[in-house]
N, C-alpha and C. Protein backbone atom coordinates (compact mmCIF):
# COMPACT_ATOMS: atom_id res chain seq x y z
N GLY A 1 15.73 143.43 -35.92
CA GLY A 1 17.00 143.75 -36.52
C GLY A 1 16.81 144.24 -37.94
N HIS A 2 17.68 145.11 -38.36
CA HIS A 2 17.66 145.65 -39.72
C HIS A 2 18.80 145.05 -40.54
N SER A 3 18.51 144.61 -41.75
CA SER A 3 19.49 144.08 -42.69
C SER A 3 20.25 142.92 -42.06
N THR A 4 21.56 143.04 -41.88
CA THR A 4 22.34 141.97 -41.26
C THR A 4 21.87 141.74 -39.82
N GLY A 5 21.40 142.80 -39.17
CA GLY A 5 20.84 142.66 -37.82
C GLY A 5 19.62 141.74 -37.80
N GLY A 6 18.91 141.65 -38.92
CA GLY A 6 17.79 140.71 -39.02
C GLY A 6 18.28 139.27 -38.96
N VAL A 7 19.41 139.01 -39.59
CA VAL A 7 20.02 137.68 -39.51
C VAL A 7 20.43 137.39 -38.08
N VAL A 8 21.04 138.37 -37.42
CA VAL A 8 21.44 138.20 -36.02
C VAL A 8 20.21 137.92 -35.16
N GLY A 9 19.12 138.63 -35.41
CA GLY A 9 17.88 138.41 -34.66
C GLY A 9 17.35 137.00 -34.83
N VAL A 10 17.38 136.49 -36.04
CA VAL A 10 16.92 135.11 -36.29
C VAL A 10 17.81 134.12 -35.57
N LEU A 11 19.13 134.31 -35.65
CA LEU A 11 20.05 133.40 -34.97
C LEU A 11 19.86 133.44 -33.46
N ALA A 12 19.68 134.63 -32.92
CA ALA A 12 19.46 134.75 -31.47
C ALA A 12 18.16 134.07 -31.07
N ALA A 13 17.10 134.30 -31.82
CA ALA A 13 15.80 133.69 -31.49
C ALA A 13 15.86 132.17 -31.57
N ALA A 14 16.65 131.66 -32.50
CA ALA A 14 16.76 130.21 -32.67
C ALA A 14 17.61 129.57 -31.57
N GLN A 15 18.56 130.33 -31.01
CA GLN A 15 19.51 129.74 -30.07
C GLN A 15 19.30 130.11 -28.62
N LEU A 16 18.47 131.10 -28.36
CA LEU A 16 18.24 131.50 -26.97
C LEU A 16 17.50 130.40 -26.22
N SER A 17 17.84 130.24 -24.97
CA SER A 17 17.17 129.22 -24.17
C SER A 17 15.81 129.72 -23.67
N ARG A 18 15.57 131.01 -23.78
CA ARG A 18 14.28 131.53 -23.34
C ARG A 18 13.39 131.82 -24.54
N GLU A 19 12.12 131.95 -24.27
CA GLU A 19 11.13 132.18 -25.32
C GLU A 19 11.29 133.56 -25.95
N VAL A 20 11.17 133.60 -27.25
CA VAL A 20 11.13 134.86 -27.99
C VAL A 20 9.70 135.00 -28.50
N ARG A 21 9.00 135.99 -27.96
CA ARG A 21 7.59 136.15 -28.34
C ARG A 21 7.42 136.91 -29.65
N THR A 22 8.23 137.96 -29.82
CA THR A 22 8.10 138.80 -31.01
C THR A 22 9.47 139.04 -31.61
N LEU A 23 9.53 138.93 -32.92
CA LEU A 23 10.77 139.17 -33.64
C LEU A 23 10.43 140.12 -34.79
N SER A 24 11.00 141.31 -34.75
CA SER A 24 10.75 142.30 -35.80
C SER A 24 11.98 142.38 -36.70
N LEU A 25 11.77 142.15 -37.98
CA LEU A 25 12.86 142.15 -38.95
C LEU A 25 12.57 143.23 -40.00
N ILE A 26 13.50 144.16 -40.13
CA ILE A 26 13.33 145.28 -41.06
C ILE A 26 14.27 145.06 -42.23
N SER A 27 13.68 144.83 -43.40
CA SER A 27 14.47 144.54 -44.61
C SER A 27 15.62 143.58 -44.29
N PRO A 28 15.31 142.39 -43.74
CA PRO A 28 16.39 141.50 -43.32
C PRO A 28 17.21 140.99 -44.50
N ALA A 29 18.49 140.82 -44.27
CA ALA A 29 19.40 140.36 -45.32
C ALA A 29 19.17 138.90 -45.69
N LEU A 30 18.18 138.27 -45.13
CA LEU A 30 17.89 136.87 -45.43
C LEU A 30 17.66 136.63 -46.92
N TRP A 31 17.22 137.65 -47.62
CA TRP A 31 16.93 137.55 -49.04
C TRP A 31 17.78 138.52 -49.86
N ALA A 32 18.95 138.87 -49.35
CA ALA A 32 19.80 139.86 -50.02
C ALA A 32 20.24 139.37 -51.40
N LYS A 33 20.31 140.30 -52.32
CA LYS A 33 20.86 140.01 -53.64
C LYS A 33 22.36 140.32 -53.58
N LYS A 34 23.16 139.31 -53.69
CA LYS A 34 24.61 139.52 -53.61
C LYS A 34 25.15 139.82 -55.00
N PRO A 35 26.10 140.77 -55.08
CA PRO A 35 26.72 141.04 -56.38
C PRO A 35 27.51 139.82 -56.87
N LEU A 36 27.80 139.79 -58.15
CA LEU A 36 28.48 138.65 -58.76
C LEU A 36 29.80 138.33 -58.07
N VAL A 37 30.58 139.34 -57.73
CA VAL A 37 31.86 139.11 -57.05
C VAL A 37 31.64 138.36 -55.74
N ALA A 38 30.62 138.75 -54.99
CA ALA A 38 30.33 138.09 -53.72
C ALA A 38 29.84 136.67 -53.94
N GLN A 39 29.06 136.45 -54.99
CA GLN A 39 28.60 135.10 -55.29
C GLN A 39 29.78 134.19 -55.63
N LEU A 40 30.73 134.71 -56.40
CA LEU A 40 31.93 133.93 -56.72
C LEU A 40 32.75 133.66 -55.47
N ALA A 41 32.85 134.66 -54.61
CA ALA A 41 33.62 134.50 -53.37
C ALA A 41 33.01 133.43 -52.46
N ASP A 42 31.69 133.27 -52.52
CA ASP A 42 31.03 132.25 -51.72
C ASP A 42 31.62 130.86 -51.98
N SER A 43 32.02 130.62 -53.22
CA SER A 43 32.52 129.29 -53.57
C SER A 43 34.02 129.13 -53.32
N LEU A 44 34.71 130.23 -52.98
CA LEU A 44 36.15 130.19 -52.74
C LEU A 44 36.54 130.90 -51.44
N PRO A 45 35.95 130.54 -50.31
CA PRO A 45 36.21 131.30 -49.08
C PRO A 45 37.67 131.29 -48.66
N GLY A 46 38.36 130.20 -48.81
CA GLY A 46 39.77 130.15 -48.41
C GLY A 46 40.62 131.10 -49.24
N ALA A 47 40.40 131.11 -50.54
CA ALA A 47 41.15 132.00 -51.42
C ALA A 47 40.83 133.46 -51.11
N ILE A 48 39.57 133.75 -50.86
CA ILE A 48 39.16 135.12 -50.54
C ILE A 48 39.81 135.56 -49.24
N HIS A 49 39.82 134.69 -48.24
CA HIS A 49 40.45 135.02 -46.96
C HIS A 49 41.92 135.37 -47.18
N TRP A 50 42.63 134.55 -47.95
CA TRP A 50 44.04 134.79 -48.21
C TRP A 50 44.24 136.12 -48.94
N ILE A 51 43.46 136.38 -49.97
CA ILE A 51 43.58 137.62 -50.74
C ILE A 51 43.35 138.83 -49.85
N LEU A 52 42.30 138.77 -49.03
CA LEU A 52 42.00 139.91 -48.16
C LEU A 52 43.04 140.07 -47.06
N SER A 53 43.59 138.96 -46.57
CA SER A 53 44.61 139.06 -45.52
C SER A 53 45.89 139.72 -46.03
N LYS A 54 46.10 139.69 -47.33
CA LYS A 54 47.27 140.33 -47.94
C LYS A 54 46.98 141.78 -48.33
N GLY A 55 45.75 142.23 -48.04
CA GLY A 55 45.40 143.61 -48.38
C GLY A 55 45.06 143.82 -49.84
N LEU A 56 44.91 142.73 -50.56
CA LEU A 56 44.60 142.81 -51.98
C LEU A 56 43.08 142.89 -52.18
N LEU A 57 42.67 143.58 -53.16
CA LEU A 57 41.27 143.68 -53.57
C LEU A 57 40.34 144.34 -52.54
N HIS A 58 40.91 145.06 -51.59
CA HIS A 58 40.05 145.77 -50.64
C HIS A 58 39.15 146.77 -51.35
N PHE A 59 39.63 147.28 -52.48
CA PHE A 59 38.81 148.23 -53.23
C PHE A 59 37.51 147.59 -53.69
N LEU A 60 37.50 146.27 -53.94
CA LEU A 60 36.25 145.61 -54.34
C LEU A 60 35.22 145.68 -53.22
N VAL A 61 35.68 145.47 -52.00
CA VAL A 61 34.77 145.51 -50.86
C VAL A 61 34.27 146.92 -50.64
N SER A 62 35.17 147.90 -50.64
CA SER A 62 34.73 149.28 -50.41
C SER A 62 33.84 149.77 -51.53
N ASP A 63 34.18 149.43 -52.78
CA ASP A 63 33.34 149.84 -53.91
C ASP A 63 31.94 149.24 -53.80
N ALA A 64 31.87 147.95 -53.45
CA ALA A 64 30.57 147.30 -53.32
C ALA A 64 29.76 147.90 -52.17
N TYR A 65 30.44 148.20 -51.07
CA TYR A 65 29.75 148.77 -49.91
C TYR A 65 29.21 150.16 -50.24
N LEU A 66 30.04 150.97 -50.92
CA LEU A 66 29.59 152.31 -51.30
C LEU A 66 28.52 152.24 -52.38
N LYS A 67 28.59 151.26 -53.26
CA LYS A 67 27.55 151.06 -54.28
C LYS A 67 26.22 150.72 -53.61
N ASN A 68 26.29 150.01 -52.49
CA ASN A 68 25.09 149.68 -51.74
C ASN A 68 24.39 150.94 -51.25
N VAL A 69 25.16 151.97 -50.91
CA VAL A 69 24.56 153.25 -50.51
C VAL A 69 23.78 153.82 -51.69
N ASP A 70 24.36 153.70 -52.90
CA ASP A 70 23.64 154.16 -54.09
C ASP A 70 22.31 153.43 -54.23
N SER A 71 22.32 152.13 -53.98
CA SER A 71 21.09 151.33 -54.11
C SER A 71 20.11 151.60 -52.99
N ALA A 72 20.63 151.85 -51.79
CA ALA A 72 19.77 151.96 -50.61
C ALA A 72 18.90 153.21 -50.63
N PHE A 73 19.35 154.26 -51.30
CA PHE A 73 18.58 155.50 -51.33
C PHE A 73 17.85 155.58 -52.65
N ALA A 74 16.55 155.40 -52.58
CA ALA A 74 15.71 155.25 -53.76
C ALA A 74 15.93 156.35 -54.79
N VAL A 75 16.12 155.90 -56.02
CA VAL A 75 16.24 156.81 -57.15
C VAL A 75 14.90 156.81 -57.87
N ASP A 76 14.39 157.98 -58.14
CA ASP A 76 13.15 158.12 -58.89
C ASP A 76 13.43 157.74 -60.34
N ALA A 77 12.77 156.69 -60.82
CA ALA A 77 13.02 156.20 -62.17
C ALA A 77 12.73 157.25 -63.24
N ALA A 78 11.75 158.10 -62.98
CA ALA A 78 11.37 159.11 -63.97
C ALA A 78 12.39 160.24 -64.08
N THR A 79 12.97 160.64 -62.94
CA THR A 79 13.89 161.79 -62.96
C THR A 79 15.35 161.39 -62.83
N GLY A 80 15.62 160.17 -62.34
CA GLY A 80 16.99 159.74 -62.11
C GLY A 80 17.62 160.38 -60.89
N ARG A 81 16.82 161.05 -60.07
CA ARG A 81 17.32 161.73 -58.87
C ARG A 81 16.97 160.92 -57.62
N TYR A 82 17.81 161.10 -56.61
CA TYR A 82 17.54 160.45 -55.33
C TYR A 82 16.33 161.11 -54.69
N ARG A 83 15.47 160.29 -54.10
CA ARG A 83 14.29 160.82 -53.41
C ARG A 83 14.68 161.53 -52.11
N PHE A 84 15.80 161.11 -51.53
CA PHE A 84 16.27 161.69 -50.27
C PHE A 84 17.74 162.07 -50.44
N PRO A 85 18.02 163.08 -51.26
CA PRO A 85 19.42 163.40 -51.58
C PRO A 85 20.27 163.78 -50.38
N ALA A 86 19.72 164.50 -49.42
CA ALA A 86 20.52 164.90 -48.26
C ALA A 86 20.94 163.67 -47.46
N ALA A 87 20.01 162.74 -47.26
CA ALA A 87 20.32 161.51 -46.51
C ALA A 87 21.33 160.66 -47.28
N TYR A 88 21.20 160.61 -48.60
CA TYR A 88 22.14 159.86 -49.42
C TYR A 88 23.56 160.42 -49.26
N HIS A 89 23.72 161.72 -49.42
CA HIS A 89 25.04 162.33 -49.34
C HIS A 89 25.64 162.18 -47.93
N LYS A 90 24.79 162.25 -46.92
CA LYS A 90 25.25 162.08 -45.54
C LYS A 90 25.76 160.64 -45.32
N ALA A 91 24.99 159.66 -45.80
CA ALA A 91 25.39 158.25 -45.63
C ALA A 91 26.67 157.94 -46.41
N LEU A 92 26.78 158.48 -47.61
CA LEU A 92 27.97 158.26 -48.42
C LEU A 92 29.20 158.85 -47.74
N ALA A 93 29.09 160.07 -47.25
CA ALA A 93 30.21 160.71 -46.56
C ALA A 93 30.58 159.94 -45.29
N LYS A 94 29.57 159.47 -44.57
CA LYS A 94 29.81 158.72 -43.33
C LYS A 94 30.58 157.42 -43.63
N ASN A 95 30.17 156.72 -44.67
CA ASN A 95 30.84 155.46 -45.01
C ASN A 95 32.27 155.70 -45.50
N LYS A 96 32.47 156.74 -46.30
CA LYS A 96 33.83 157.05 -46.76
C LYS A 96 34.72 157.41 -45.57
N ALA A 97 34.17 158.18 -44.63
CA ALA A 97 34.93 158.55 -43.43
C ALA A 97 35.24 157.31 -42.59
N MET A 98 34.30 156.38 -42.51
CA MET A 98 34.52 155.14 -41.75
C MET A 98 35.70 154.37 -42.34
N PHE A 99 35.75 154.24 -43.68
CA PHE A 99 36.85 153.51 -44.30
C PHE A 99 38.17 154.21 -44.07
N ALA A 100 38.17 155.54 -44.09
CA ALA A 100 39.41 156.29 -43.88
C ALA A 100 39.89 156.20 -42.44
N ALA A 101 38.97 156.21 -41.49
CA ALA A 101 39.33 156.23 -40.07
C ALA A 101 39.56 154.85 -39.47
N HIS A 102 38.96 153.84 -40.04
CA HIS A 102 39.01 152.49 -39.46
C HIS A 102 39.53 151.50 -40.50
N PRO A 103 40.82 151.26 -40.55
CA PRO A 103 41.39 150.39 -41.58
C PRO A 103 40.88 148.95 -41.53
N HIS A 104 40.37 148.52 -40.40
CA HIS A 104 39.89 147.13 -40.30
C HIS A 104 38.41 146.99 -40.69
N ALA A 105 37.76 148.09 -40.99
CA ALA A 105 36.34 148.03 -41.37
C ALA A 105 36.15 147.18 -42.62
N LEU A 106 37.04 147.33 -43.59
CA LEU A 106 36.91 146.55 -44.83
C LEU A 106 37.00 145.05 -44.56
N ALA A 107 37.96 144.65 -43.76
CA ALA A 107 38.11 143.23 -43.44
C ALA A 107 36.90 142.71 -42.68
N SER A 108 36.35 143.53 -41.80
CA SER A 108 35.16 143.12 -41.05
C SER A 108 33.96 142.94 -41.96
N ILE A 109 33.75 143.90 -42.84
CA ILE A 109 32.62 143.82 -43.78
C ILE A 109 32.80 142.62 -44.70
N ALA A 110 34.02 142.43 -45.20
CA ALA A 110 34.29 141.29 -46.07
C ALA A 110 34.06 139.98 -45.33
N GLY A 111 34.53 139.89 -44.10
CA GLY A 111 34.35 138.67 -43.33
C GLY A 111 32.88 138.32 -43.14
N ILE A 112 32.09 139.31 -42.80
CA ILE A 112 30.65 139.07 -42.62
C ILE A 112 30.03 138.61 -43.93
N ASN A 113 30.35 139.29 -45.01
CA ASN A 113 29.73 138.96 -46.30
C ASN A 113 30.23 137.64 -46.88
N PHE A 114 31.53 137.37 -46.76
CA PHE A 114 32.08 136.18 -47.40
C PHE A 114 32.01 134.92 -46.55
N PHE A 115 31.71 135.07 -45.25
CA PHE A 115 31.68 133.89 -44.40
C PHE A 115 30.34 133.69 -43.68
N ALA A 116 29.66 134.77 -43.30
CA ALA A 116 28.40 134.63 -42.56
C ALA A 116 27.18 134.81 -43.43
N LEU A 117 27.33 135.51 -44.56
CA LEU A 117 26.18 135.77 -45.43
C LEU A 117 26.33 135.11 -46.79
N THR A 118 26.91 133.93 -46.81
CA THR A 118 27.02 133.20 -48.08
C THR A 118 25.64 132.73 -48.50
N GLY A 119 25.51 132.38 -49.77
CA GLY A 119 24.23 131.89 -50.26
C GLY A 119 23.70 130.71 -49.47
N SER A 120 24.58 129.76 -49.14
CA SER A 120 24.13 128.59 -48.38
C SER A 120 23.76 128.97 -46.95
N GLN A 121 24.50 129.92 -46.36
CA GLN A 121 24.17 130.37 -45.01
C GLN A 121 22.80 131.08 -45.01
N LEU A 122 22.55 131.91 -46.02
CA LEU A 122 21.26 132.61 -46.08
C LEU A 122 20.11 131.60 -46.17
N GLU A 123 20.31 130.53 -46.93
CA GLU A 123 19.28 129.48 -47.01
C GLU A 123 19.05 128.87 -45.62
N ARG A 124 20.12 128.63 -44.90
CA ARG A 124 20.01 128.06 -43.54
C ARG A 124 19.28 129.01 -42.61
N TYR A 125 19.58 130.30 -42.71
CA TYR A 125 18.92 131.29 -41.85
C TYR A 125 17.43 131.38 -42.17
N ARG A 126 17.08 131.28 -43.45
CA ARG A 126 15.65 131.30 -43.82
C ARG A 126 14.94 130.08 -43.25
N ALA A 127 15.62 128.93 -43.27
CA ALA A 127 15.03 127.71 -42.69
C ALA A 127 14.85 127.88 -41.17
N LEU A 128 15.80 128.52 -40.50
CA LEU A 128 15.66 128.79 -39.06
C LEU A 128 14.47 129.69 -38.80
N LEU A 129 14.28 130.71 -39.64
CA LEU A 129 13.14 131.60 -39.48
C LEU A 129 11.84 130.81 -39.63
N ALA A 130 11.78 129.92 -40.59
CA ALA A 130 10.58 129.09 -40.77
C ALA A 130 10.32 128.24 -39.53
N GLU A 131 11.37 127.71 -38.92
CA GLU A 131 11.22 126.91 -37.70
C GLU A 131 10.70 127.78 -36.55
N ILE A 132 11.22 128.99 -36.43
CA ILE A 132 10.80 129.89 -35.35
C ILE A 132 9.31 130.21 -35.47
N VAL A 133 8.86 130.42 -36.69
CA VAL A 133 7.46 130.79 -36.93
C VAL A 133 6.52 129.62 -36.71
N THR A 134 6.99 128.40 -36.95
CA THR A 134 6.12 127.23 -36.90
C THR A 134 6.37 126.33 -35.69
N ARG A 135 7.07 126.81 -34.70
CA ARG A 135 7.30 126.00 -33.49
C ARG A 135 5.97 125.55 -32.93
N PRO A 136 5.82 124.25 -32.67
CA PRO A 136 4.54 123.78 -32.14
C PRO A 136 4.25 124.28 -30.72
N GLU A 137 5.30 124.42 -29.90
CA GLU A 137 5.06 124.80 -28.51
C GLU A 137 4.68 126.28 -28.38
N LYS A 138 5.42 127.16 -28.96
CA LYS A 138 5.13 128.60 -28.87
C LYS A 138 5.79 129.30 -30.05
N PRO A 139 5.10 129.36 -31.18
CA PRO A 139 5.71 130.06 -32.31
C PRO A 139 5.87 131.55 -32.01
N ALA A 140 6.92 132.13 -32.55
CA ALA A 140 7.16 133.56 -32.35
C ALA A 140 6.29 134.36 -33.31
N ASP A 141 5.89 135.52 -32.87
CA ASP A 141 5.20 136.48 -33.72
C ASP A 141 6.27 137.24 -34.48
N VAL A 142 6.41 136.95 -35.76
CA VAL A 142 7.46 137.57 -36.57
C VAL A 142 6.84 138.67 -37.41
N ARG A 143 7.45 139.83 -37.35
CA ARG A 143 6.99 140.98 -38.13
C ARG A 143 8.06 141.32 -39.16
N LEU A 144 7.71 141.16 -40.42
CA LEU A 144 8.62 141.51 -41.51
C LEU A 144 8.22 142.88 -42.02
N LEU A 145 9.16 143.81 -41.97
CA LEU A 145 8.89 145.18 -42.38
C LEU A 145 9.81 145.57 -43.53
N TRP A 146 9.21 146.12 -44.58
CA TRP A 146 9.97 146.58 -45.73
C TRP A 146 9.46 147.93 -46.16
N GLY A 147 10.35 148.76 -46.66
CA GLY A 147 9.94 149.99 -47.31
C GLY A 147 9.60 149.68 -48.76
N THR A 148 8.61 150.35 -49.28
CA THR A 148 8.21 150.06 -50.67
C THR A 148 9.28 150.43 -51.68
N LEU A 149 10.24 151.25 -51.27
CA LEU A 149 11.30 151.66 -52.19
C LEU A 149 12.60 150.89 -51.95
N ASP A 150 12.58 149.90 -51.10
CA ASP A 150 13.79 149.14 -50.78
C ASP A 150 14.20 148.33 -52.01
N VAL A 151 15.39 148.60 -52.52
CA VAL A 151 15.88 147.85 -53.67
C VAL A 151 17.08 146.98 -53.30
N VAL A 152 17.56 147.10 -52.07
CA VAL A 152 18.70 146.29 -51.64
C VAL A 152 18.22 144.88 -51.31
N VAL A 153 17.17 144.76 -50.55
CA VAL A 153 16.53 143.49 -50.24
C VAL A 153 15.06 143.66 -50.65
N ASP A 154 14.78 143.34 -51.89
CA ASP A 154 13.48 143.62 -52.50
C ASP A 154 12.42 142.62 -52.03
N TYR A 155 11.47 143.12 -51.28
CA TYR A 155 10.40 142.28 -50.73
C TYR A 155 9.52 141.69 -51.83
N SER A 156 9.27 142.45 -52.88
CA SER A 156 8.33 142.00 -53.91
C SER A 156 8.74 140.68 -54.52
N GLU A 157 10.04 140.36 -54.50
CA GLU A 157 10.51 139.09 -55.03
C GLU A 157 10.26 137.92 -54.07
N HIS A 158 9.98 138.22 -52.80
CA HIS A 158 9.89 137.16 -51.80
C HIS A 158 8.58 137.20 -51.01
N SER A 159 7.59 137.89 -51.53
CA SER A 159 6.36 138.08 -50.75
C SER A 159 5.38 136.93 -50.87
N ALA A 160 5.66 135.97 -51.69
CA ALA A 160 4.73 134.84 -51.86
C ALA A 160 4.77 133.89 -50.69
């Protein structure tokens, strides 16, 4: 799984009744850096749910999601330019079109981030991954894959 899909992969491997031999995780969100607004929301899930259910502050979710596109496409520090400008512009346009065409996308993204990817949940998912890798009966072969330019979930901070 990639990003949030990596979390889904860990949960599936932990809960499936059958053996999982190999689990490939590509820049999994297990170590995601959450913006300050999301960190604050983690401590107030009920209030966040109410605010979002009233259609308030949706711009925060869309702005953060679109900002993630800015982070996801590596910027060359020397030139300040995107290394893959065509892919960046395509992803940005796709996400803007998604928000325009699907009014519930914001609530879905917010729900995942504010309820399934809270700081405490991410800690729990990392503990599940550790259990999967160290199972005495048949540990899974886990492959963690990161791009060297990934700044959304930076491997260098968690490679120890």
